[in-house]
Protein backbone atom coordinates (compact mmCIF):
# COMPACT_ATOMS: atom_id res chain seq x y z
CA UNK A 1 142.48 -56.83 -82.50
CA UNK A 2 142.50 -56.27 -78.68
CA UNK A 3 139.60 -58.45 -76.87
CA UNK A 4 138.39 -57.05 -73.55
CA UNK A 5 137.35 -59.85 -71.21
CA UNK A 6 134.53 -59.78 -68.70
CA UNK A 7 136.92 -59.32 -65.80
CA UNK A 8 138.60 -56.55 -67.66
CA UNK A 9 135.15 -55.02 -68.44
CA UNK A 10 134.34 -55.03 -64.76
CA UNK A 11 137.60 -53.74 -63.62
CA UNK A 12 137.63 -50.95 -65.96
CA UNK A 13 134.27 -49.58 -64.88
CA UNK A 14 134.50 -46.22 -62.80
CA UNK A 15 134.68 -46.93 -59.03
CA UNK A 16 131.79 -45.43 -57.14
CA UNK A 17 132.80 -43.61 -53.88
CA UNK A 18 130.40 -42.89 -51.13
CA UNK A 19 130.42 -39.65 -49.11
CA UNK A 20 131.44 -40.22 -45.58
CA UNK A 21 128.02 -39.00 -44.55
CA UNK A 22 126.41 -41.92 -46.47
CA UNK A 23 129.16 -44.35 -44.98
CA UNK A 24 128.05 -43.17 -41.59
CA UNK A 25 124.19 -43.57 -42.07
CA UNK A 26 124.86 -47.06 -43.41
CA UNK A 27 127.22 -47.96 -40.41
CA UNK A 28 124.42 -46.44 -38.15
CA UNK A 29 121.70 -48.49 -39.74
CA UNK A 30 123.73 -51.56 -39.43
CA UNK A 31 124.38 -51.20 -36.11
CA UNK A 32 120.84 -50.22 -35.36
CA UNK A 33 119.65 -53.39 -37.13
CA UNK A 34 121.64 -55.55 -34.69
CA UNK A 35 121.38 -53.55 -31.51
CA UNK A 36 117.46 -53.51 -31.11
CA UNK A 37 116.99 -57.29 -31.45
CA UNK A 38 119.88 -57.72 -29.31
CA UNK A 39 118.68 -55.33 -26.52
CA UNK A 40 115.23 -56.77 -26.77
CA UNK A 41 116.71 -60.11 -26.26
CA UNK A 42 118.77 -58.95 -23.16
CA UNK A 43 115.63 -57.41 -21.87
CA UNK A 44 113.53 -60.45 -22.28
CA UNK A 45 116.22 -62.60 -20.66
CA UNK A 46 116.61 -60.07 -17.67
CA UNK A 47 112.61 -60.18 -17.13
CA UNK A 48 112.65 -63.88 -17.36
CA UNK A 49 115.13 -64.06 -14.64
CA UNK A 50 113.57 -61.50 -12.40
CA UNK A 51 109.87 -62.93 -13.04
CA UNK A 52 108.62 -59.84 -14.68
CA UNK A 53 106.07 -60.31 -17.55
CA UNK A 54 107.50 -59.85 -20.88
CA UNK A 55 104.45 -57.97 -22.26
CA UNK A 56 103.65 -55.93 -19.01
CA UNK A 57 100.37 -56.00 -17.27
CA UNK A 58 99.46 -58.70 -14.60
CA UNK A 59 101.60 -61.50 -13.75
CA UNK A 60 100.41 -64.60 -13.69
CA UNK A 61 96.65 -63.85 -13.34
CA UNK A 62 94.27 -61.33 -13.62
CA UNK A 63 94.80 -59.97 -10.32
CA UNK A 64 91.57 -61.13 -8.82
CA UNK A 65 93.55 -63.93 -6.85
CA UNK A 66 97.10 -64.93 -6.33
CA UNK A 67 98.52 -67.01 -9.27
CA UNK A 68 99.23 -70.70 -7.81
CA UNK A 69 102.93 -70.67 -7.33
CA UNK A 70 105.04 -71.73 -4.17
CA UNK A 71 106.18 -68.55 -3.37
CA UNK A 72 102.55 -67.00 -3.60
CA UNK A 73 101.18 -69.81 -1.42
CA UNK A 74 103.60 -68.76 1.42
CA UNK A 75 102.77 -65.03 0.95
CA UNK A 76 98.83 -65.99 0.96
CA UNK A 77 99.42 -67.83 4.26
CA UNK A 78 100.57 -64.67 6.09
CA UNK A 79 99.00 -61.85 4.14
CA UNK A 80 95.77 -60.81 2.75
CA UNK A 81 94.07 -58.16 0.63
CA UNK A 82 93.29 -54.82 2.41
CA UNK A 83 90.58 -52.46 1.94
CA UNK A 84 92.87 -49.84 2.43
CA UNK A 85 94.30 -48.54 -1.17
CA UNK A 86 97.48 -47.26 0.11
CA UNK A 87 98.25 -50.70 2.01
CA UNK A 88 96.38 -52.93 -0.65
CA UNK A 89 97.76 -55.84 1.48
CA UNK A 90 98.27 -56.64 5.11
CA UNK A 91 99.00 -59.39 7.58
CA UNK A 92 96.19 -61.87 8.19
CA UNK A 93 95.14 -61.66 11.90
CA UNK A 94 95.83 -65.08 13.73
CA UNK A 95 97.58 -66.49 10.88
CA UNK A 96 100.55 -69.05 11.47
CA UNK A 97 103.00 -69.69 8.87
CA UNK A 98 106.08 -71.52 9.79
CA UNK A 99 108.10 -69.35 12.24
CA UNK A 100 105.65 -66.58 11.67
CA UNK A 101 102.85 -65.74 13.74
CA UNK A 102 100.35 -62.95 13.51
CA UNK A 103 98.53 -61.88 16.59
CA UNK A 104 94.75 -61.08 16.75
CA UNK A 105 95.28 -57.46 16.04
CA UNK A 106 97.34 -58.15 12.62
CA UNK A 107 100.95 -57.60 13.44
CA UNK A 108 103.80 -59.96 13.89
CA UNK A 109 104.10 -59.72 17.63
CA UNK A 110 102.75 -61.33 20.97
CA UNK A 111 99.33 -59.75 21.95
CA UNK A 112 99.04 -56.48 23.31
CA UNK A 113 96.24 -54.50 25.05
CA UNK A 114 95.36 -51.28 23.32
CA UNK A 115 95.55 -49.23 26.46
CA UNK A 116 98.98 -49.59 27.86
CA UNK A 117 99.55 -49.99 31.60
CA UNK A 118 100.71 -47.22 33.62
CA UNK A 119 104.40 -46.88 33.84
CA UNK A 120 104.98 -48.51 30.53
CA UNK A 121 106.96 -46.83 27.88
CA UNK A 122 105.80 -47.92 24.38
CA UNK A 123 107.83 -47.85 21.15
CA UNK A 124 106.38 -48.73 17.75
CA UNK A 125 108.86 -49.86 15.16
CA UNK A 126 107.83 -49.62 11.53
CA UNK A 127 109.65 -51.06 8.58
CA UNK A 128 109.62 -53.56 5.90
CA UNK A 129 110.85 -57.32 5.96
CA UNK A 130 113.82 -56.50 7.92
CA UNK A 131 111.88 -55.13 10.70
CA UNK A 132 109.17 -57.78 10.30
CA UNK A 133 112.10 -60.36 10.79
CA UNK A 134 112.51 -62.20 7.45
CA UNK A 135 113.80 -65.60 8.27
CA UNK A 136 114.16 -64.99 11.99
CA UNK A 137 112.18 -66.28 15.13
CA UNK A 138 110.35 -63.47 16.59
CA UNK A 139 112.65 -63.16 19.63
CA UNK A 140 115.48 -62.40 17.15
CA UNK A 141 113.85 -59.65 15.49
CA UNK A 142 115.12 -55.97 15.58
CA UNK A 143 111.98 -55.08 17.94
CA UNK A 144 112.46 -57.95 20.29
CA UNK A 145 116.30 -57.50 20.65
CA UNK A 146 115.94 -53.79 21.42
CA UNK A 147 112.89 -54.57 24.02
CA UNK A 148 115.22 -57.19 25.67
CA UNK A 149 118.16 -54.58 25.79
CA UNK A 150 115.87 -51.77 27.23
CA UNK A 151 114.27 -53.94 30.01
CA UNK A 152 117.62 -55.44 31.23
CA UNK A 153 118.60 -54.06 34.64
CA UNK A 154 116.21 -51.08 34.58
CA UNK A 155 113.44 -50.06 36.67
CA UNK A 156 111.33 -48.74 33.65
CA UNK A 157 108.99 -50.95 31.82
CA UNK A 158 109.37 -51.12 27.76
CA UNK A 159 107.12 -52.46 25.37
CA UNK A 160 108.61 -52.43 21.91
CA UNK A 161 106.12 -53.50 19.34
CA UNK A 162 106.87 -54.94 15.91
CA UNK A 163 104.85 -53.24 13.07
CA UNK A 164 106.93 -54.29 10.42
CA UNK A 165 105.51 -55.82 7.46
CA UNK A 166 107.40 -57.61 4.91
CA UNK A 167 107.28 -55.74 1.38
CA UNK A 168 106.22 -52.37 2.69
CA UNK A 169 107.49 -49.12 1.15
CA UNK A 170 107.73 -46.09 3.33
CA UNK A 171 104.20 -44.79 2.32
CA UNK A 172 102.74 -47.95 3.45
CA UNK A 173 104.49 -48.08 6.69
CA UNK A 174 103.30 -44.67 7.55
CA UNK A 175 99.82 -45.41 6.40
CA UNK A 176 100.09 -48.49 8.59
CA UNK A 177 101.05 -46.16 11.44
CA UNK A 178 98.06 -44.04 10.93
CA UNK A 179 95.50 -46.87 10.73
CA UNK A 180 96.97 -49.41 13.30
CA UNK A 181 99.97 -48.59 15.13
CA UNK A 182 98.69 -45.28 16.49
CA UNK A 183 95.79 -46.86 18.09
CA UNK A 184 98.54 -48.14 20.71
CA UNK A 185 99.46 -44.76 21.65
CA UNK A 186 103.09 -45.21 21.41
CA UNK A 187 105.50 -43.04 23.22
CA UNK A 188 108.13 -43.12 20.45
CA UNK A 189 108.29 -44.42 16.90
CA UNK A 190 111.18 -45.93 15.12
CA UNK A 191 111.37 -46.30 11.31
CA UNK A 192 113.86 -49.27 10.09
CA UNK A 193 114.68 -47.83 6.69
CA UNK A 194 115.64 -50.28 4.00
CA UNK A 195 117.49 -48.92 1.06
CA UNK A 196 114.74 -49.67 -1.37
CA UNK A 197 111.70 -48.39 0.73
CA UNK A 198 111.28 -45.47 -1.78
CA UNK A 199 110.19 -47.75 -4.09
CA UNK A 200 106.40 -49.16 -4.66
CA UNK A 201 107.10 -52.98 -5.69
CA UNK A 202 108.21 -55.71 -3.56
CA UNK A 203 107.68 -59.60 -3.78
CA UNK A 204 104.68 -59.39 -1.50
CA UNK A 205 103.31 -56.46 -3.26
CA UNK A 206 103.58 -57.93 -6.69
CA UNK A 207 101.80 -61.00 -5.41
CA UNK A 208 98.89 -59.05 -4.89
CA UNK A 209 99.39 -56.27 -7.56
CA UNK A 210 101.11 -57.88 -10.61
CA UNK A 211 101.25 -54.50 -12.55
CA UNK A 212 104.35 -54.05 -14.69
CA UNK A 213 105.38 -52.07 -17.87
CA UNK A 214 105.23 -53.81 -21.26
CA UNK A 215 108.30 -54.56 -23.23
CA UNK A 216 108.54 -51.48 -25.50
CA UNK A 217 107.49 -48.91 -22.67
CA UNK A 218 110.14 -49.47 -20.11
CA UNK A 219 113.51 -51.24 -19.65
CA UNK A 220 113.85 -53.17 -16.29
CA UNK A 221 117.54 -54.06 -17.42
CA UNK A 222 118.14 -50.42 -17.97
CA UNK A 223 117.04 -49.50 -14.18
CA UNK A 224 119.28 -52.27 -13.00
CA UNK A 225 122.34 -51.26 -14.98
CA UNK A 226 121.91 -47.52 -14.09
CA UNK A 227 121.90 -48.45 -10.30
CA UNK A 228 125.13 -50.46 -10.74
CA UNK A 229 126.71 -47.56 -12.96
CA UNK A 230 125.68 -45.01 -10.24
CA UNK A 231 127.13 -46.86 -7.33
CA UNK A 232 130.32 -47.62 -9.04
CA UNK A 233 130.66 -43.93 -10.24
CA UNK A 234 130.05 -42.70 -6.69
CA UNK A 235 132.11 -45.36 -4.79
CA UNK A 236 135.25 -45.29 -7.15
CA UNK A 237 135.26 -41.78 -8.31
CA UNK A 238 133.13 -39.89 -6.09
CA UNK A 239 130.88 -38.49 -8.80
CA UNK A 240 126.94 -39.14 -8.60
CA UNK A 241 125.45 -38.79 -12.12
CA UNK A 242 121.97 -38.47 -10.50
CA UNK A 243 120.05 -39.70 -7.49
CA UNK A 244 117.89 -42.78 -7.76
CA UNK A 245 114.52 -41.77 -8.94
CA UNK A 246 112.07 -42.00 -6.07
CA UNK A 247 108.40 -43.25 -6.66
CA UNK A 248 107.79 -42.02 -3.10
CA UNK A 249 108.49 -38.44 -1.96
CA UNK A 250 110.27 -39.50 1.28
CA UNK A 251 110.38 -36.07 2.86
CA UNK A 252 106.61 -35.70 2.27
CA UNK A 253 106.07 -38.95 4.02
CA UNK A 254 108.25 -38.48 7.12
CA UNK A 255 106.45 -34.94 7.36
CA UNK A 256 103.06 -36.94 7.66
CA UNK A 257 104.48 -39.11 10.26
CA UNK A 258 105.83 -36.23 12.19
CA UNK A 259 102.13 -34.60 12.00
CA UNK A 260 100.29 -37.79 13.16
CA UNK A 261 102.96 -37.76 16.13
CA UNK A 262 102.07 -34.30 16.84
CA UNK A 263 105.57 -33.14 16.13
CA UNK A 264 107.32 -35.46 18.57
CA UNK A 265 110.66 -36.29 17.81
CA UNK A 266 111.09 -40.03 16.41
CA UNK A 267 113.86 -42.03 14.96
CA UNK A 268 114.88 -43.30 11.67
CA UNK A 269 117.46 -46.17 11.79
CA UNK A 270 119.00 -47.02 8.18
CA UNK A 271 119.97 -50.53 7.55
CA UNK A 272 122.58 -50.85 4.75
CA UNK A 273 122.82 -53.53 2.33
CA UNK A 274 125.02 -56.59 3.75
CA UNK A 275 127.47 -56.19 0.64
CA UNK A 276 131.15 -55.90 0.73
CA UNK A 277 131.55 -52.60 2.91
CA UNK A 278 135.24 -51.90 1.53
CA UNK A 279 133.82 -51.66 -2.03
CA UNK A 280 130.38 -50.45 -1.02
CA UNK A 281 128.05 -49.54 -4.09
CA UNK A 282 125.15 -48.13 -2.23
CA UNK A 283 126.23 -44.74 -0.75
CA UNK A 284 123.97 -43.10 -3.10
CA UNK A 285 120.71 -44.68 -1.24
CA UNK A 286 122.12 -43.57 2.11
CA UNK A 287 122.71 -39.89 0.87
CA UNK A 288 119.12 -40.04 -0.32
CA UNK A 289 117.41 -40.84 2.86
CA UNK A 290 119.58 -38.46 4.68
CA UNK A 291 118.65 -35.66 2.29
CA UNK A 292 115.01 -36.62 2.96
CA UNK A 293 115.31 -36.22 6.68
CA UNK A 294 117.23 -32.87 6.56
CA UNK A 295 115.60 -30.30 8.43
CA UNK A 296 112.95 -32.55 10.03
CA UNK A 297 112.79 -33.34 13.69
CA UNK A 298 114.22 -36.89 13.54
CA UNK A 299 117.19 -38.78 15.21
CA UNK A 300 118.94 -40.52 12.62
CA UNK A 301 121.20 -43.75 12.88
CA UNK A 302 122.80 -45.22 10.09
CA UNK A 303 123.97 -48.56 10.71
CA UNK A 304 126.65 -48.53 7.87
CA UNK A 305 129.33 -47.33 10.37
CA UNK A 306 128.18 -49.95 13.02
CA UNK A 307 128.09 -52.83 10.53
CA UNK A 308 131.45 -51.89 8.92
CA UNK A 309 133.16 -53.05 11.81
CA UNK A 310 132.26 -56.74 11.01
CA UNK A 311 132.50 -58.90 7.77
CA UNK A 312 129.46 -58.41 5.65
CA UNK A 313 129.08 -62.42 5.48
CA UNK A 314 128.98 -62.51 9.36
CA UNK A 315 125.70 -60.52 9.41
CA UNK A 316 123.86 -62.38 6.52
CA UNK A 317 121.36 -65.30 6.84
CA UNK A 318 122.87 -66.79 3.50
CA UNK A 319 125.20 -66.05 0.77
CA UNK A 320 122.70 -64.89 -1.66
CA UNK A 321 120.65 -62.41 0.71
CA UNK A 322 122.27 -59.05 1.06
CA UNK A 323 119.12 -57.54 2.59
CA UNK A 324 118.03 -59.40 5.59
CA UNK A 325 120.44 -59.34 8.50
CA UNK A 326 120.65 -62.69 10.92
CA UNK A 327 120.13 -62.72 14.51
CA UNK A 328 123.73 -61.30 15.36
CA UNK A 329 123.07 -58.37 12.83
CA UNK A 330 119.74 -57.33 14.26
CA UNK A 331 121.48 -57.62 17.83
CA UNK A 332 123.97 -55.23 16.75
CA UNK A 333 121.45 -52.63 15.16
CA UNK A 334 119.36 -53.07 18.79
CA UNK A 335 122.47 -52.13 20.70
CA UNK A 336 123.28 -49.18 18.58
CA UNK A 337 119.70 -48.15 18.55
CA UNK A 338 119.74 -48.16 22.44
CA UNK A 339 122.73 -46.41 22.38
CA UNK A 340 121.32 -43.44 20.47
CA UNK A 341 118.15 -43.40 22.64
CA UNK A 342 120.12 -43.15 25.63
CA UNK A 343 122.52 -40.40 23.99
CA UNK A 344 119.62 -38.45 22.71
CA UNK A 345 117.53 -38.85 26.01
CA UNK A 346 114.56 -40.21 24.13
CA UNK A 347 113.60 -42.95 26.51
CA UNK A 348 113.66 -42.92 30.38
CA UNK A 349 116.33 -45.24 31.28
CA UNK A 350 116.82 -45.61 35.04
CA UNK A 351 119.00 -48.44 35.91
CA UNK A 352 118.79 -50.17 39.21
């Protein structure tokens, strides 16, 4: 009599074969089971490193006052809330905070009379923290370096006024011109454009308006990786998947500025990222601003070609800041701007 063992019984069962469709579905579900928690973990890690609230909404408070952090204390010592909904914050008149002094009119410069003296040629410079002069004494800022160069050995009298506000976007800068700088009736306006000025958020802005998307409604990590991928793709292979999504219509804003200046020709100076110029990942952002200015009455100076003649590290204030040039960098920018103004005959330069 043949006795079947339990092992034999199992082995003799007909083997069940799954179709490739079922195997594919099972594999996909397995990957999804691990990918979703892994993706959420990476997003949470990125948000914590970037100081972005995990659940969205307001960071560190209810928005009625600044959260008590060291960075926000510094910001609060220089800026205040603005009644203007576009600006929503502005320099505090008369504030003194370290190397930063705000004049009585509320911008980082010496005192100016609203009505200019006869024979004075006034230039208003708009911009964000680069023009504001983050980390620099006033005399080393872009505006003051340009003012010094213009007045050296000339029969003319130039006033170059620093209306840069740290953290401002292009929209805020142009609104700031309308409500403040235009009162001084400048003869020329120069916009110092930083590559992220099409975005609404900034460190200073977030201190006053802490609105962020929730964890399940937006991925900030994806935005960061997308920008890196776009830069690598364009620089290494000449292919641009798509342009960065602008929160602000740059062309519309520059049209507004032109209308505020009665169509007078003004200048845009583009400041590059102070990264490796031989393997530069930000060409896409340069293209974006040039496309926005196409067909408009602006003289444009892209400082990338100027800065490329130097090592990026020689232009930075420290190894971790790729945005704000040092005094040598602002001097280079001022000299290149002076050359453009002379070439385009946008300022009266009569030498002694």
